[in-house]
Amino acid sequence: DDCLEIFIDADASGGDHLNNYNAFAYHLALDNQVVDIGPNEAGEAVPQLYNDHVENKWQRDISAPHKIHWEAAVRVFDDSYQHGKDNSPVTLKEGMTLGFMLAYCDADGGDREHFLGSHEITPVNGDKNLGYKDASVFGKVKLTK
């Protein structure tokens, strides 16, 4: 299915986040489920739900070209996050810099057909599919008033 992806690195440190919480790659599904890959109790990388991290709603225009409007409110967590534990989100402050990237995954037929992202990704060994595992490809946003 199609999904909106929100990539967030609380301290803009970049680097690996495939099986840890250095950053998050939230996949917001059409059924409002929020999924990312994270370590299970055995340390294996598995898809897990993070519905308490992101509140989101989407709506499609009824007339052509049927634009989709998607709103999301994200609670930002740093790399001290532990899945299934009591975690507090980061307090966002003026001057903070976050790693950030957005993408839309078009997968009507079950397989990804198109991937539209907010940042150009330089391929590594021909691979541009890096956002879900390497926060170094995220852009940076500085919080201001």
C-alpha atoms as a PDB file:
ATOM      1  CA  ASP A   1       0.000   0.000   0.000  1.00  0.00           C
ATOM      2  CA  ASP A   2       0.925   3.636  -0.369  1.00  0.00           C
ATOM      3  CA  CYS A   3       2.411   5.350   2.674  1.00  0.00           C
ATOM      4  CA  LEU A   4       3.879   8.619   3.844  1.00  0.00           C
ATOM      5  CA  GLU A   5       7.331   8.250   5.374  1.00  0.00           C
ATOM      6  CA  ILE A   6       8.657  10.651   7.999  1.00  0.00           C
ATOM      7  CA  PHE A   7      12.324  10.327   8.878  1.00  0.00           C
ATOM      8  CA  ILE A   8      13.527  12.012  12.093  1.00  0.00           C
ATOM      9  CA  ASP A   9      16.923  12.081  13.809  1.00  0.00           C
ATOM     10  CA  ALA A  10      16.487  13.984  17.102  1.00  0.00           C
ATOM     11  CA  ASP A  11      20.102  15.184  17.293  1.00  0.00           C
ATOM     12  CA  ALA A  12      20.940  15.209  13.542  1.00  0.00           C
ATOM     13  CA  SER A  13      23.873  12.876  14.250  1.00  0.00           C
ATOM     14  CA  GLY A  14      23.280  10.760  11.134  1.00  0.00           C
ATOM     15  CA  GLY A  15      24.455   7.177  10.856  1.00  0.00           C
ATOM     16  CA  ASP A  16      22.905   3.742  11.103  1.00  0.00           C
ATOM     17  CA  HIS A  17      19.409   3.383  12.552  1.00  0.00           C
ATOM     18  CA  LEU A  18      18.205   0.108  11.018  1.00  0.00           C
ATOM     19  CA  ASN A  19      18.114  -1.870  14.258  1.00  0.00           C
ATOM     20  CA  ASN A  20      18.447   0.848  16.890  1.00  0.00           C
ATOM     21  CA  TYR A  21      16.875   4.170  17.819  1.00  0.00           C
ATOM     22  CA  ASN A  22      19.524   6.570  16.553  1.00  0.00           C
ATOM     23  CA  ALA A  23      16.730   7.833  14.259  1.00  0.00           C
ATOM     24  CA  PHE A  24      13.243   6.799  13.168  1.00  0.00           C
ATOM     25  CA  ALA A  25      11.763   6.043   9.735  1.00  0.00           C
ATOM     26  CA  TYR A  26       8.037   6.169  10.374  1.00  0.00           C
ATOM     27  CA  HIS A  27       5.850   4.575   7.697  1.00  0.00           C
ATOM     28  CA  LEU A  28       2.350   6.063   7.996  1.00  0.00           C
ATOM     29  CA  ALA A  29      -0.020   3.576   6.398  1.00  0.00           C
ATOM     30  CA  LEU A  30      -3.405   4.323   4.858  1.00  0.00           C
ATOM     31  CA  ASP A  31      -5.061   2.579   7.828  1.00  0.00           C
ATOM     32  CA  ASN A  32      -3.276   5.070  10.164  1.00  0.00           C
ATOM     33  CA  GLN A  33      -0.860   2.464  11.521  1.00  0.00           C
ATOM     34  CA  VAL A  34       2.686   3.781  12.104  1.00  0.00           C
ATOM     35  CA  VAL A  35       5.473   1.255  11.486  1.00  0.00           C
ATOM     36  CA  ASP A  36       9.274   1.305  11.687  1.00  0.00           C
ATOM     37  CA  ILE A  37      11.913  -1.387  11.955  1.00  0.00           C
ATOM     38  CA  GLY A  38      13.377  -1.817  15.417  1.00  0.00           C
ATOM     39  CA  PRO A  39      15.003  -4.432  17.626  1.00  0.00           C
ATOM     40  CA  ASN A  40      12.783  -7.017  19.300  1.00  0.00           C
ATOM     41  CA  GLU A  41      13.674  -8.572  22.665  1.00  0.00           C
ATOM     42  CA  ALA A  42      16.075 -10.969  20.898  1.00  0.00           C
ATOM     43  CA  GLY A  43      17.798  -8.023  19.176  1.00  0.00           C
ATOM     44  CA  GLU A  44      16.439  -8.895  15.720  1.00  0.00           C
ATOM     45  CA  ALA A  45      15.321  -6.139  13.339  1.00  0.00           C
ATOM     46  CA  VAL A  46      11.547  -6.488  12.917  1.00  0.00           C
ATOM     47  CA  PRO A  47       8.661  -4.192  11.924  1.00  0.00           C
ATOM     48  CA  GLN A  48       7.004  -2.708  15.017  1.00  0.00           C
ATOM     49  CA  LEU A  49       4.109  -0.327  15.648  1.00  0.00           C
ATOM     50  CA  TYR A  50       4.801   3.218  16.874  1.00  0.00           C
ATOM     51  CA  ASN A  51       1.231   4.546  16.832  1.00  0.00           C
ATOM     52  CA  ASP A  52       1.869   6.553  20.015  1.00  0.00           C
ATOM     53  CA  HIS A  53       4.670   8.498  18.253  1.00  0.00           C
ATOM     54  CA  VAL A  54       2.630   9.926  15.371  1.00  0.00           C
ATOM     55  CA  GLU A  55      -0.965  11.137  15.153  1.00  0.00           C
ATOM     56  CA  ASN A  56      -1.972  11.364  11.517  1.00  0.00           C
ATOM     57  CA  LYS A  57      -4.927  11.812   9.240  1.00  0.00           C
ATOM     58  CA  TRP A  58      -5.229  11.842   5.477  1.00  0.00           C
ATOM     59  CA  GLN A  59      -7.957  12.841   3.079  1.00  0.00           C
ATOM     60  CA  ARG A  60      -8.246  12.523  -0.700  1.00  0.00           C
ATOM     61  CA  ASP A  61      -9.953  15.196  -2.817  1.00  0.00           C
ATOM     62  CA  ILE A  62     -13.160  13.914  -4.395  1.00  0.00           C
ATOM     63  CA  SER A  63     -12.399  15.501  -7.773  1.00  0.00           C
ATOM     64  CA  ALA A  64      -9.500  14.935 -10.153  1.00  0.00           C
ATOM     65  CA  PRO A  65      -6.576  14.966  -9.768  1.00  0.00           C
ATOM     66  CA  HIS A  66      -7.573  13.501  -6.349  1.00  0.00           C
ATOM     67  CA  LYS A  67      -4.813  15.157  -4.321  1.00  0.00           C
ATOM     68  CA  ILE A  68      -4.078  13.652  -0.925  1.00  0.00           C
ATOM     69  CA  HIS A  69      -3.760  15.931   2.102  1.00  0.00           C
ATOM     70  CA  TRP A  70      -1.897  14.286   4.972  1.00  0.00           C
ATOM     71  CA  GLU A  71      -1.399  15.840   8.403  1.00  0.00           C
ATOM     72  CA  ALA A  72       0.866  14.438  11.093  1.00  0.00           C
ATOM     73  CA  ALA A  73       1.895  15.432  14.610  1.00  0.00           C
ATOM     74  CA  VAL A  74       5.119  13.690  15.633  1.00  0.00           C
ATOM     75  CA  ARG A  75       6.474  13.145  19.135  1.00  0.00           C
ATOM     76  CA  VAL A  76      10.266  13.220  18.751  1.00  0.00           C
ATOM     77  CA  PHE A  77      12.348  10.641  20.645  1.00  0.00           C
ATOM     78  CA  ASP A  78      16.135  10.484  20.941  1.00  0.00           C
ATOM     79  CA  ASP A  79      18.463   7.481  20.862  1.00  0.00           C
ATOM     80  CA  SER A  80      17.752   6.614  24.519  1.00  0.00           C
ATOM     81  CA  TYR A  81      14.322   5.313  23.427  1.00  0.00           C
ATOM     82  CA  GLN A  82      13.490   1.730  24.480  1.00  0.00           C
ATOM     83  CA  HIS A  83      10.522   0.091  22.757  1.00  0.00           C
ATOM     84  CA  GLY A  84       7.813  -1.015  25.174  1.00  0.00           C
ATOM     85  CA  LYS A  85       9.244   1.048  28.055  1.00  0.00           C
ATOM     86  CA  ASP A  86       8.106   4.359  29.535  1.00  0.00           C
ATOM     87  CA  ASN A  87       9.821   6.954  27.304  1.00  0.00           C
ATOM     88  CA  SER A  88       9.566  10.721  27.296  1.00  0.00           C
ATOM     89  CA  PRO A  89       9.742  12.647  24.032  1.00  0.00           C
ATOM     90  CA  VAL A  90      12.399  15.283  23.492  1.00  0.00           C
ATOM     91  CA  THR A  91      11.397  18.830  24.414  1.00  0.00           C
ATOM     92  CA  LEU A  92      11.753  20.789  21.190  1.00  0.00           C
ATOM     93  CA  LYS A  93      13.458  24.157  21.637  1.00  0.00           C
ATOM     94  CA  GLU A  94      14.429  27.095  19.489  1.00  0.00           C
ATOM     95  CA  GLY A  95      17.866  26.546  17.947  1.00  0.00           C
ATOM     96  CA  MET A  96      17.705  22.728  17.939  1.00  0.00           C
ATOM     97  CA  THR A  97      18.738  20.990  14.718  1.00  0.00           C
ATOM     98  CA  LEU A  98      16.966  17.789  13.687  1.00  0.00           C
ATOM     99  CA  GLY A  99      17.687  15.359  10.892  1.00  0.00           C
ATOM    100  CA  PHE A 100      14.533  15.313   8.765  1.00  0.00           C
ATOM    101  CA  MET A 101      13.252  13.900   5.502  1.00  0.00           C
ATOM    102  CA  LEU A 102       9.845  13.157   3.971  1.00  0.00           C
ATOM    103  CA  ALA A 103       8.880  10.683   1.271  1.00  0.00           C
ATOM    104  CA  TYR A 104       5.779   9.267  -0.342  1.00  0.00           C
ATOM    105  CA  CYS A 105       5.817   5.619  -1.323  1.00  0.00           C
ATOM    106  CA  ASP A 106       3.498   4.734  -4.212  1.00  0.00           C
ATOM    107  CA  ALA A 107       2.790   1.015  -3.935  1.00  0.00           C
ATOM    108  CA  ASP A 108      -0.723   0.463  -5.268  1.00  0.00           C
ATOM    109  CA  GLY A 109       0.013  -3.055  -6.474  1.00  0.00           C
ATOM    110  CA  GLY A 110       1.838  -4.249  -3.356  1.00  0.00           C
ATOM    111  CA  ASP A 111       5.326  -3.496  -4.689  1.00  0.00           C
ATOM    112  CA  ARG A 112       6.830  -0.017  -4.654  1.00  0.00           C
ATOM    113  CA  GLU A 113       6.165   1.710  -7.966  1.00  0.00           C
ATOM    114  CA  HIS A 114       7.465   5.196  -7.134  1.00  0.00           C
ATOM    115  CA  PHE A 115       9.291   6.791  -4.220  1.00  0.00           C
ATOM    116  CA  LEU A 116       9.078  10.579  -4.054  1.00  0.00           C
ATOM    117  CA  GLY A 117      11.385  12.132  -1.484  1.00  0.00           C
ATOM    118  CA  SER A 118      12.175  15.582  -0.159  1.00  0.00           C
ATOM    119  CA  HIS A 119      15.935  15.087  -0.528  1.00  0.00           C
ATOM    120  CA  GLU A 120      18.115  13.774  -3.329  1.00  0.00           C
ATOM    121  CA  ILE A 121      20.044  10.704  -2.168  1.00  0.00           C
ATOM    122  CA  THR A 122      23.441   9.917  -3.653  1.00  0.00           C
ATOM    123  CA  PRO A 123      23.548   6.172  -4.410  1.00  0.00           C
ATOM    124  CA  VAL A 124      25.953   3.963  -2.466  1.00  0.00           C
ATOM    125  CA  ASN A 125      26.939   1.005  -4.656  1.00  0.00           C
ATOM    126  CA  GLY A 126      23.924   1.871  -6.834  1.00  0.00           C
ATOM    127  CA  ASP A 127      21.504   1.843  -3.868  1.00  0.00           C
ATOM    128  CA  LYS A 128      19.390   4.968  -3.226  1.00  0.00           C
ATOM    129  CA  ASN A 129      17.041   3.184  -0.797  1.00  0.00           C
ATOM    130  CA  LEU A 130      18.962   4.366   2.256  1.00  0.00           C
ATOM    131  CA  GLY A 131      16.625   6.523   4.353  1.00  0.00           C
ATOM    132  CA  TYR A 132      15.159   3.639   6.349  1.00  0.00           C
ATOM    133  CA  LYS A 133      18.618   2.581   7.551  1.00  0.00           C
ATOM    134  CA  ASP A 134      21.049   5.536   7.347  1.00  0.00           C
ATOM    135  CA  ALA A 135      20.159   8.911   8.877  1.00  0.00           C
ATOM    136  CA  SER A 136      23.179  10.505   7.171  1.00  0.00           C
ATOM    137  CA  VAL A 137      21.000  10.982   4.045  1.00  0.00           C
ATOM    138  CA  PHE A 138      18.433  13.102   5.924  1.00  0.00           C
ATOM    139  CA  GLY A 139      18.352  16.844   5.510  1.00  0.00           C
ATOM    140  CA  LYS A 140      18.632  19.127   8.522  1.00  0.00           C
ATOM    141  CA  VAL A 141      16.073  21.543   9.931  1.00  0.00           C
ATOM    142  CA  LYS A 142      16.807  24.158  12.563  1.00  0.00           C
ATOM    143  CA  LEU A 143      13.916  25.054  14.847  1.00  0.00           C
ATOM    144  CA  THR A 144      13.094  28.762  14.950  1.00  0.00           C
ATOM    145  CA  LYS A 145      10.242  30.907  16.234  1.00  0.00           C
END
